[in-house]
Amino acid sequence: MTVPNPTSVADPTSARSRAVIRPRPVADPAVRLFVLHHAGGSHLAYTGWVPHFPEDWDVCLVEAPGRGPVSAVPAKESAADLAAYLLDQIRPLLDAPIALFGHSMGALAAYELTMQLAERGLDAPVWLGISACESPFAAQPPFGGSPLHTRPSAELRRGLAAMGGLPPAILADDDVWELYEPRLRADFHLVETWQPRPAGRARIAVPCSLFGGEDDHVVTREQLLAWSDGADDLVGQHFYPGAHFYWEDQTALVAAQIVEEVDTAAPGLLSW
């Protein structure tokens, strides 16, 4: 597997256009779907998703700062800051109905992005997809336990290996690990220090759906389902065989479910 260079050259002046990757641009889409990646990941993990969506969907892969085309942009320290940055990046693309799907850290960012769209008086997403992410509405504080971002290098490496989702070369090669470790720590710092909004400003007003792995030991079924406690319109909840990165071997199935969820949330947008 080819490991992408985390410090590839990027022009900060053009970061606005580079943070959103559109492998198959659609000028007047029925839906513009923004896919937000997990901690330590990048948009590259989701490029294989694009062919599984309808041709009139504009599938936009969102890149968090500190990697790939926006490697020159400093990493954000909180989910709220990340969402504010991403809102600025996607704002020129809000001229069509939008849907958001985030996996793990990406789900935090998608949730915060949904909240900030409402706070700025912008059109709400027609649907929010939350995947493998612990709920802020859970009885226990989110992301408890020993924080990954504070562990010594060797322990962090072992923890990420157990979680999965990273190319093996990142964990196996000392030189590659040295390049990636700061980015991984920054991402997990964001996730593990996330402060949920006050209860009165935390509820999800848009239709949303939950996705997870049946054998996910990072985010349990109960932790994921607790999102329903703060959702005004829960469209569906879906569990698949597999662990935290359950979708890796069943992308087509997950993508088809996303399409069905959007159609349920916003009937009439899709042309079947």
C-alpha atoms as a PDB file:
ATOM      1  CA  MET A   1       0.000   0.000   0.000  1.00  0.00           C
ATOM      2  CA  THR A   2       1.332   3.438  -0.908  1.00  0.00           C
ATOM      3  CA  VAL A   3       1.586   5.782   2.048  1.00  0.00           C
ATOM      4  CA  PRO A   4       0.647   9.398   1.190  1.00  0.00           C
ATOM      5  CA  ASN A   5       3.150  12.060   2.141  1.00  0.00           C
ATOM      6  CA  PRO A   6       1.747  13.994   5.134  1.00  0.00           C
ATOM      7  CA  THR A   7       3.887  17.013   4.266  1.00  0.00           C
ATOM      8  CA  SER A   8       3.270  17.238   0.549  1.00  0.00           C
ATOM      9  CA  VAL A   9       3.712  20.746  -0.827  1.00  0.00           C
ATOM     10  CA  ALA A  10       0.632  22.917  -0.525  1.00  0.00           C
ATOM     11  CA  ASP A  11       0.115  26.597  -1.291  1.00  0.00           C
ATOM     12  CA  PRO A  12      -1.615  28.206   1.721  1.00  0.00           C
ATOM     13  CA  THR A  13      -3.150  30.880  -0.503  1.00  0.00           C
ATOM     14  CA  SER A  14      -5.081  28.245  -2.420  1.00  0.00           C
ATOM     15  CA  ALA A  15      -6.055  26.127   0.593  1.00  0.00           C
ATOM     16  CA  ARG A  16      -9.658  27.315   0.335  1.00  0.00           C
ATOM     17  CA  SER A  17     -10.160  25.397  -2.882  1.00  0.00           C
ATOM     18  CA  ARG A  18      -7.932  22.465  -1.968  1.00  0.00           C
ATOM     19  CA  ALA A  19      -9.649  21.399   1.255  1.00  0.00           C
ATOM     20  CA  VAL A  20     -12.586  19.950  -0.686  1.00  0.00           C
ATOM     21  CA  ILE A  21     -11.733  17.233  -3.200  1.00  0.00           C
ATOM     22  CA  ARG A  22     -14.385  16.555  -5.844  1.00  0.00           C
ATOM     23  CA  PRO A  23     -13.340  13.450  -7.816  1.00  0.00           C
ATOM     24  CA  ARG A  24     -16.463  13.634  -9.967  1.00  0.00           C
ATOM     25  CA  PRO A  25     -17.734  17.245  -9.965  1.00  0.00           C
ATOM     26  CA  VAL A  26     -21.429  17.791 -10.704  1.00  0.00           C
ATOM     27  CA  ALA A  27     -22.408  21.350 -11.564  1.00  0.00           C
ATOM     28  CA  ASP A  28     -26.089  21.210 -10.562  1.00  0.00           C
ATOM     29  CA  PRO A  29     -26.346  18.195  -8.256  1.00  0.00           C
ATOM     30  CA  ALA A  30     -29.438  16.673  -6.720  1.00  0.00           C
ATOM     31  CA  VAL A  31     -27.401  16.329  -3.530  1.00  0.00           C
ATOM     32  CA  ARG A  32     -23.945  17.497  -2.540  1.00  0.00           C
ATOM     33  CA  LEU A  33     -22.574  14.937  -0.077  1.00  0.00           C
ATOM     34  CA  PHE A  34     -19.643  15.948   2.109  1.00  0.00           C
ATOM     35  CA  VAL A  35     -17.666  13.007   3.536  1.00  0.00           C
ATOM     36  CA  LEU A  36     -15.498  13.813   6.567  1.00  0.00           C
ATOM     37  CA  HIS A  37     -12.637  11.487   7.468  1.00  0.00           C
ATOM     38  CA  HIS A  38     -11.471   9.912  10.708  1.00  0.00           C
ATOM     39  CA  ALA A  39      -8.617  10.878  13.049  1.00  0.00           C
ATOM     40  CA  GLY A  40      -5.255  10.177  11.502  1.00  0.00           C
ATOM     41  CA  GLY A  41      -6.858   9.677   8.112  1.00  0.00           C
ATOM     42  CA  SER A  42      -7.370  11.728   4.992  1.00  0.00           C
ATOM     43  CA  HIS A  43      -9.750  11.969   2.068  1.00  0.00           C
ATOM     44  CA  LEU A  44      -7.772   9.206   0.332  1.00  0.00           C
ATOM     45  CA  ALA A  45      -9.485   6.556   2.468  1.00  0.00           C
ATOM     46  CA  TYR A  46     -12.832   7.505   0.896  1.00  0.00           C
ATOM     47  CA  THR A  47     -12.035   7.922  -2.794  1.00  0.00           C
ATOM     48  CA  GLY A  48     -13.399   4.433  -3.473  1.00  0.00           C
ATOM     49  CA  TRP A  49     -16.804   5.528  -2.187  1.00  0.00           C
ATOM     50  CA  VAL A  50     -17.529   7.944  -5.019  1.00  0.00           C
ATOM     51  CA  PRO A  51     -18.601   5.473  -7.778  1.00  0.00           C
ATOM     52  CA  HIS A  52     -21.212   3.956  -5.461  1.00  0.00           C
ATOM     53  CA  PHE A  53     -23.335   7.105  -5.321  1.00  0.00           C
ATOM     54  CA  PRO A  54     -25.864   8.335  -7.925  1.00  0.00           C
ATOM     55  CA  GLU A  55     -24.327  10.154 -10.883  1.00  0.00           C
ATOM     56  CA  ASP A  56     -26.218  13.332 -10.060  1.00  0.00           C
ATOM     57  CA  TRP A  57     -24.642  13.510  -6.588  1.00  0.00           C
ATOM     58  CA  ASP A  58     -21.595  15.712  -6.133  1.00  0.00           C
ATOM     59  CA  VAL A  59     -19.509  13.701  -3.663  1.00  0.00           C
ATOM     60  CA  CYS A  60     -17.083  16.007  -1.870  1.00  0.00           C
ATOM     61  CA  LEU A  61     -14.240  14.530   0.183  1.00  0.00           C
ATOM     62  CA  VAL A  62     -13.241  16.971   2.899  1.00  0.00           C
ATOM     63  CA  GLU A  63      -9.611  17.205   4.015  1.00  0.00           C
ATOM     64  CA  ALA A  64      -8.782  18.353   7.539  1.00  0.00           C
ATOM     65  CA  PRO A  65      -5.780  20.690   7.958  1.00  0.00           C
ATOM     66  CA  GLY A  66      -2.296  19.300   8.331  1.00  0.00           C
ATOM     67  CA  ARG A  67      -2.330  16.737   5.547  1.00  0.00           C
ATOM     68  CA  GLY A  68      -2.290  16.334   1.792  1.00  0.00           C
ATOM     69  CA  PRO A  69      -3.418  19.399  -0.154  1.00  0.00           C
ATOM     70  CA  VAL A  70      -3.810  21.464   3.039  1.00  0.00           C
ATOM     71  CA  SER A  71      -0.675  20.253   4.822  1.00  0.00           C
ATOM     72  CA  ALA A  72       0.494  23.855   5.206  1.00  0.00           C
ATOM     73  CA  VAL A  73      -2.578  24.752   7.268  1.00  0.00           C
ATOM     74  CA  PRO A  74      -2.030  24.232  11.019  1.00  0.00           C
ATOM     75  CA  ALA A  75      -4.072  21.501  12.684  1.00  0.00           C
ATOM     76  CA  LYS A  76      -7.127  22.689  14.597  1.00  0.00           C
ATOM     77  CA  GLU A  77      -7.259  22.117  18.341  1.00  0.00           C
ATOM     78  CA  SER A  78     -10.993  21.584  18.791  1.00  0.00           C
ATOM     79  CA  ALA A  79     -13.911  20.112  16.877  1.00  0.00           C
ATOM     80  CA  ALA A  80     -15.585  23.525  16.884  1.00  0.00           C
ATOM     81  CA  ASP A  81     -12.493  25.156  15.358  1.00  0.00           C
ATOM     82  CA  LEU A  82     -12.217  22.389  12.777  1.00  0.00           C
ATOM     83  CA  ALA A  83     -15.881  22.810  11.843  1.00  0.00           C
ATOM     84  CA  ALA A  84     -15.497  26.587  11.543  1.00  0.00           C
ATOM     85  CA  TYR A  85     -12.538  26.103   9.220  1.00  0.00           C
ATOM     86  CA  LEU A  86     -14.396  23.537   7.128  1.00  0.00           C
ATOM     87  CA  LEU A  87     -17.489  25.723   6.906  1.00  0.00           C
ATOM     88  CA  ASP A  88     -15.356  28.430   5.361  1.00  0.00           C
ATOM     89  CA  GLN A  89     -14.011  25.892   2.856  1.00  0.00           C
ATOM     90  CA  ILE A  90     -17.371  24.481   1.811  1.00  0.00           C
ATOM     91  CA  ARG A  91     -19.314  27.732   1.803  1.00  0.00           C
ATOM     92  CA  PRO A  92     -18.991  28.273  -1.983  1.00  0.00           C
ATOM     93  CA  LEU A  93     -20.599  24.841  -2.437  1.00  0.00           C
ATOM     94  CA  LEU A  94     -23.730  25.486  -0.379  1.00  0.00           C
ATOM     95  CA  ASP A  95     -25.778  26.309  -3.474  1.00  0.00           C
ATOM     96  CA  ALA A  96     -27.355  22.829  -3.558  1.00  0.00           C
ATOM     97  CA  PRO A  97     -29.016  20.557  -0.990  1.00  0.00           C
ATOM     98  CA  ILE A  98     -26.207  19.203   1.182  1.00  0.00           C
ATOM     99  CA  ALA A  99     -25.795  16.047   3.244  1.00  0.00           C
ATOM    100  CA  LEU A 100     -22.998  15.291   5.694  1.00  0.00           C
ATOM    101  CA  PHE A 101     -21.447  11.945   6.567  1.00  0.00           C
ATOM    102  CA  GLY A 102     -18.631  11.756   9.098  1.00  0.00           C
ATOM    103  CA  HIS A 103     -16.711   8.775  10.436  1.00  0.00           C
ATOM    104  CA  SER A 104     -15.300   8.930  13.974  1.00  0.00           C
ATOM    105  CA  MET A 105     -13.507  12.331  14.220  1.00  0.00           C
ATOM    106  CA  GLY A 106     -15.315  13.250  11.014  1.00  0.00           C
ATOM    107  CA  ALA A 107     -18.652  12.689  12.778  1.00  0.00           C
ATOM    108  CA  LEU A 108     -17.694  15.185  15.484  1.00  0.00           C
ATOM    109  CA  ALA A 109     -16.800  17.697  12.793  1.00  0.00           C
ATOM    110  CA  ALA A 110     -20.022  17.001  10.865  1.00  0.00           C
ATOM    111  CA  TYR A 111     -22.099  17.467  14.025  1.00  0.00           C
ATOM    112  CA  GLU A 112     -20.357  20.745  14.863  1.00  0.00           C
ATOM    113  CA  LEU A 113     -20.688  21.842  11.251  1.00  0.00           C
ATOM    114  CA  THR A 114     -24.437  21.216  11.407  1.00  0.00           C
ATOM    115  CA  MET A 115     -24.680  23.326  14.564  1.00  0.00           C
ATOM    116  CA  GLN A 116     -22.649  26.163  13.064  1.00  0.00           C
ATOM    117  CA  LEU A 117     -24.690  26.259   9.865  1.00  0.00           C
ATOM    118  CA  ALA A 118     -27.763  26.871  12.012  1.00  0.00           C
ATOM    119  CA  GLU A 119     -26.019  29.479  14.154  1.00  0.00           C
ATOM    120  CA  ARG A 120     -24.966  31.433  11.058  1.00  0.00           C
ATOM    121  CA  GLY A 121     -28.439  31.288   9.560  1.00  0.00           C
ATOM    122  CA  LEU A 122     -27.342  29.141   6.616  1.00  0.00           C
ATOM    123  CA  ASP A 123     -29.378  26.337   5.085  1.00  0.00           C
ATOM    124  CA  ALA A 124     -29.319  23.195   7.170  1.00  0.00           C
ATOM    125  CA  PRO A 125     -28.141  19.857   5.779  1.00  0.00           C
ATOM    126  CA  VAL A 126     -30.965  17.668   4.551  1.00  0.00           C
ATOM    127  CA  TRP A 127     -29.321  14.795   6.445  1.00  0.00           C
ATOM    128  CA  LEU A 128     -26.498  14.049   8.876  1.00  0.00           C
ATOM    129  CA  GLY A 129     -24.791  10.643   8.983  1.00  0.00           C
ATOM    130  CA  ILE A 130     -22.875   9.786  12.170  1.00  0.00           C
ATOM    131  CA  SER A 131     -20.515   6.821  12.006  1.00  0.00           C
ATOM    132  CA  ALA A 132     -18.564   5.135  14.817  1.00  0.00           C
ATOM    133  CA  CYS A 133     -18.531   8.131  17.123  1.00  0.00           C
ATOM    134  CA  GLU A 134     -19.324   8.340  20.825  1.00  0.00           C
ATOM    135  CA  SER A 135     -22.300  10.543  21.608  1.00  0.00           C
ATOM    136  CA  PRO A 136     -22.132  13.780  23.583  1.00  0.00           C
ATOM    137  CA  PHE A 137     -25.508  12.759  24.993  1.00  0.00           C
ATOM    138  CA  ALA A 138     -24.132   9.600  26.609  1.00  0.00           C
ATOM    139  CA  ALA A 139     -24.403   9.217  30.380  1.00  0.00           C
ATOM    140  CA  GLN A 140     -20.602   9.022  30.624  1.00  0.00           C
ATOM    141  CA  PRO A 141     -18.324  11.795  29.304  1.00  0.00           C
ATOM    142  CA  PRO A 142     -17.246  11.220  25.676  1.00  0.00           C
ATOM    143  CA  PHE A 143     -13.978   9.450  25.004  1.00  0.00           C
ATOM    144  CA  GLY A 144     -13.153   8.358  28.502  1.00  0.00           C
ATOM    145  CA  GLY A 145     -10.245   6.143  29.493  1.00  0.00           C
ATOM    146  CA  SER A 146      -6.563   6.667  28.876  1.00  0.00           C
ATOM    147  CA  PRO A 147      -6.251   9.302  26.131  1.00  0.00           C
ATOM    148  CA  LEU A 148      -4.276   8.096  23.138  1.00  0.00           C
ATOM    149  CA  HIS A 149      -2.788  11.528  22.480  1.00  0.00           C
ATOM    150  CA  THR A 150      -0.974  11.544  25.861  1.00  0.00           C
ATOM    151  CA  ARG A 151       0.567   8.074  25.584  1.00  0.00           C
ATOM    152  CA  PRO A 152       4.274   7.472  24.931  1.00  0.00           C
ATOM    153  CA  SER A 153       5.110   6.847  21.315  1.00  0.00           C
ATOM    154  CA  ALA A 154       5.291   3.060  21.560  1.00  0.00           C
ATOM    155  CA  GLU A 155       1.964   2.841  23.410  1.00  0.00           C
ATOM    156  CA  LEU A 156       0.294   5.186  20.935  1.00  0.00           C
ATOM    157  CA  ARG A 157       1.573   3.014  18.111  1.00  0.00           C
ATOM    158  CA  ARG A 158       0.171  -0.145  19.710  1.00  0.00           C
ATOM    159  CA  GLY A 159      -3.164   1.521  20.414  1.00  0.00           C
ATOM    160  CA  LEU A 160      -3.558   2.641  16.819  1.00  0.00           C
ATOM    161  CA  ALA A 161      -2.570  -0.790  15.537  1.00  0.00           C
ATOM    162  CA  ALA A 162      -5.343  -2.338  17.640  1.00  0.00           C
ATOM    163  CA  MET A 163      -7.847   0.215  16.368  1.00  0.00           C
ATOM    164  CA  GLY A 164      -7.026  -0.387  12.686  1.00  0.00           C
ATOM    165  CA  GLY A 165      -7.627   1.943   9.771  1.00  0.00           C
ATOM    166  CA  LEU A 166      -4.028   3.024   9.154  1.00  0.00           C
ATOM    167  CA  PRO A 167      -1.828   1.759   6.314  1.00  0.00           C
ATOM    168  CA  PRO A 168       0.525  -0.840   7.834  1.00  0.00           C
ATOM    169  CA  ALA A 169       3.593   1.035   6.610  1.00  0.00           C
ATOM    170  CA  ILE A 170       2.838   3.954   8.949  1.00  0.00           C
ATOM    171  CA  LEU A 171       3.070   1.719  12.006  1.00  0.00           C
ATOM    172  CA  ALA A 172       5.763  -0.662  10.772  1.00  0.00           C
ATOM    173  CA  ASP A 173       8.351   1.808   9.464  1.00  0.00           C
ATOM    174  CA  ASP A 174      10.095   3.975  12.072  1.00  0.00           C
ATOM    175  CA  ASP A 175      10.862   6.779   9.630  1.00  0.00           C
ATOM    176  CA  VAL A 176       7.297   6.923   8.317  1.00  0.00           C
ATOM    177  CA  TRP A 177       5.925   6.787  11.864  1.00  0.00           C
ATOM    178  CA  GLU A 178       8.092   9.772  12.826  1.00  0.00           C
ATOM    179  CA  LEU A 179       6.478  11.790  10.019  1.00  0.00           C
ATOM    180  CA  TYR A 180       2.920  10.835  10.936  1.00  0.00           C
ATOM    181  CA  GLU A 181       3.045  10.841  14.737  1.00  0.00           C
ATOM    182  CA  PRO A 182       2.511  14.623  15.216  1.00  0.00           C
ATOM    183  CA  ARG A 183      -0.575  14.592  12.988  1.00  0.00           C
ATOM    184  CA  LEU A 184      -2.011  11.561  14.746  1.00  0.00           C
ATOM    185  CA  ARG A 185      -1.478  13.118  18.159  1.00  0.00           C
ATOM    186  CA  ALA A 186      -3.112  16.353  17.024  1.00  0.00           C
ATOM    187  CA  ASP A 187      -6.176  14.540  15.696  1.00  0.00           C
ATOM    188  CA  PHE A 188      -6.638  12.443  18.812  1.00  0.00           C
ATOM    189  CA  HIS A 189      -6.105  15.489  21.014  1.00  0.00           C
ATOM    190  CA  LEU A 190      -9.034  17.101  19.182  1.00  0.00           C
ATOM    191  CA  VAL A 191     -11.231  14.026  19.669  1.00  0.00           C
ATOM    192  CA  GLU A 192     -10.304  13.249  23.250  1.00  0.00           C
ATOM    193  CA  THR A 193     -10.578  16.821  24.556  1.00  0.00           C
ATOM    194  CA  TRP A 194     -13.890  17.529  22.834  1.00  0.00           C
ATOM    195  CA  GLN A 195     -16.242  19.533  25.042  1.00  0.00           C
ATOM    196  CA  PRO A 196     -19.919  18.929  24.195  1.00  0.00           C
ATOM    197  CA  ARG A 197     -22.169  21.931  23.839  1.00  0.00           C
ATOM    198  CA  PRO A 198     -24.502  22.905  26.702  1.00  0.00           C
ATOM    199  CA  ALA A 199     -27.616  20.751  26.672  1.00  0.00           C
ATOM    200  CA  GLY A 200     -29.871  23.561  25.468  1.00  0.00           C
ATOM    201  CA  ARG A 201     -27.736  24.138  22.365  1.00  0.00           C
ATOM    202  CA  ALA A 202     -26.755  20.574  21.595  1.00  0.00           C
ATOM    203  CA  ARG A 203     -29.789  18.961  20.004  1.00  0.00           C
ATOM    204  CA  ILE A 204     -29.707  17.825  16.372  1.00  0.00           C
ATOM    205  CA  ALA A 205     -32.631  19.379  14.519  1.00  0.00           C
ATOM    206  CA  VAL A 206     -31.947  17.816  11.107  1.00  0.00           C
ATOM    207  CA  PRO A 207     -32.723  14.210  10.120  1.00  0.00           C
ATOM    208  CA  CYS A 208     -29.822  11.986  11.101  1.00  0.00           C
ATOM    209  CA  SER A 209     -28.769   8.339  10.951  1.00  0.00           C
ATOM    210  CA  LEU A 210     -26.293   6.225  12.889  1.00  0.00           C
ATOM    211  CA  PHE A 211     -23.773   3.746  11.459  1.00  0.00           C
ATOM    212  CA  GLY A 212     -21.440   1.408  13.301  1.00  0.00           C
ATOM    213  CA  GLY A 213     -19.598  -1.901  13.447  1.00  0.00           C
ATOM    214  CA  GLU A 214     -21.039  -4.815  15.386  1.00  0.00           C
ATOM    215  CA  ASP A 215     -17.603  -5.584  16.836  1.00  0.00           C
ATOM    216  CA  ASP A 216     -16.358  -2.034  17.376  1.00  0.00           C
ATOM    217  CA  HIS A 217     -14.461  -1.922  20.676  1.00  0.00           C
ATOM    218  CA  VAL A 218     -13.528   1.749  20.253  1.00  0.00           C
ATOM    219  CA  VAL A 219     -17.119   3.002  20.184  1.00  0.00           C
ATOM    220  CA  THR A 220     -19.655   0.537  21.543  1.00  0.00           C
ATOM    221  CA  ARG A 221     -23.205   0.099  20.297  1.00  0.00           C
ATOM    222  CA  GLU A 222     -24.526   1.834  23.423  1.00  0.00           C
ATOM    223  CA  GLN A 223     -22.195   4.801  23.008  1.00  0.00           C
ATOM    224  CA  LEU A 224     -23.242   5.245  19.390  1.00  0.00           C
ATOM    225  CA  LEU A 225     -26.963   4.797  20.036  1.00  0.00           C
ATOM    226  CA  ALA A 226     -26.849   7.519  22.711  1.00  0.00           C
ATOM    227  CA  TRP A 227     -26.892  10.042  19.848  1.00  0.00           C
ATOM    228  CA  SER A 228     -30.603   9.256  19.614  1.00  0.00           C
ATOM    229  CA  ASP A 229     -31.121  11.005  22.968  1.00  0.00           C
ATOM    230  CA  GLY A 230     -30.319  14.331  21.316  1.00  0.00           C
ATOM    231  CA  ALA A 231     -31.790  13.775  17.860  1.00  0.00           C
ATOM    232  CA  ASP A 232     -35.170  15.246  16.935  1.00  0.00           C
ATOM    233  CA  ASP A 233     -35.499  13.055  13.827  1.00  0.00           C
ATOM    234  CA  LEU A 234     -33.587   9.770  13.874  1.00  0.00           C
ATOM    235  CA  VAL A 235     -34.025   8.242  10.415  1.00  0.00           C
ATOM    236  CA  GLY A 236     -32.262   4.953  11.067  1.00  0.00           C
ATOM    237  CA  GLN A 237     -29.543   3.060  12.900  1.00  0.00           C
ATOM    238  CA  HIS A 238     -27.406   0.511  11.086  1.00  0.00           C
ATOM    239  CA  PHE A 239     -24.788  -1.938  12.324  1.00  0.00           C
ATOM    240  CA  TYR A 240     -22.537  -3.964  10.042  1.00  0.00           C
ATOM    241  CA  PRO A 241     -20.164  -6.884  10.578  1.00  0.00           C
ATOM    242  CA  GLY A 242     -16.759  -5.548  11.522  1.00  0.00           C
ATOM    243  CA  ALA A 243     -14.945  -3.277  13.948  1.00  0.00           C
ATOM    244  CA  HIS A 244     -14.297   0.469  14.006  1.00  0.00           C
ATOM    245  CA  PHE A 245     -13.608   0.582  10.266  1.00  0.00           C
ATOM    246  CA  TYR A 246     -16.516  -1.714   9.414  1.00  0.00           C
ATOM    247  CA  TRP A 247     -16.988  -0.134   5.975  1.00  0.00           C
ATOM    248  CA  GLU A 248     -13.624  -1.150   4.554  1.00  0.00           C
ATOM    249  CA  ASP A 249     -14.927  -4.364   2.956  1.00  0.00           C
ATOM    250  CA  GLN A 250     -18.515  -3.279   2.353  1.00  0.00           C
ATOM    251  CA  THR A 251     -18.389   0.235   0.968  1.00  0.00           C
ATOM    252  CA  ALA A 252     -21.071  -0.404  -1.644  1.00  0.00           C
ATOM    253  CA  LEU A 253     -23.498  -1.609   1.028  1.00  0.00           C
ATOM    254  CA  VAL A 254     -22.871   1.404   3.261  1.00  0.00           C
ATOM    255  CA  ALA A 255     -23.116   3.849   0.360  1.00  0.00           C
ATOM    256  CA  ALA A 256     -26.430   2.328  -0.721  1.00  0.00           C
ATOM    257  CA  GLN A 257     -27.757   2.781   2.803  1.00  0.00           C
ATOM    258  CA  ILE A 258     -26.636   6.416   2.820  1.00  0.00           C
ATOM    259  CA  VAL A 259     -28.577   7.002  -0.395  1.00  0.00           C
ATOM    260  CA  GLU A 260     -31.658   5.358   1.116  1.00  0.00           C
ATOM    261  CA  GLU A 261     -31.358   7.435   4.291  1.00  0.00           C
ATOM    262  CA  VAL A 262     -31.104  10.699   2.341  1.00  0.00           C
ATOM    263  CA  ASP A 263     -34.113   9.709   0.255  1.00  0.00           C
ATOM    264  CA  THR A 264     -36.079   9.028   3.440  1.00  0.00           C
ATOM    265  CA  ALA A 265     -34.953  12.289   5.040  1.00  0.00           C
ATOM    266  CA  ALA A 266     -35.612  14.436   1.968  1.00  0.00           C
ATOM    267  CA  PRO A 267     -38.084  12.743  -0.395  1.00  0.00           C
ATOM    268  CA  GLY A 268     -38.094  14.048  -3.937  1.00  0.00           C
ATOM    269  CA  LEU A 269     -34.416  14.993  -4.203  1.00  0.00           C
ATOM    270  CA  LEU A 270     -33.345  11.756  -5.858  1.00  0.00           C
ATOM    271  CA  SER A 271     -34.071  10.826  -9.436  1.00  0.00           C
ATOM    272  CA  TRP A 272     -34.343   7.038  -9.419  1.00  0.00           C
END
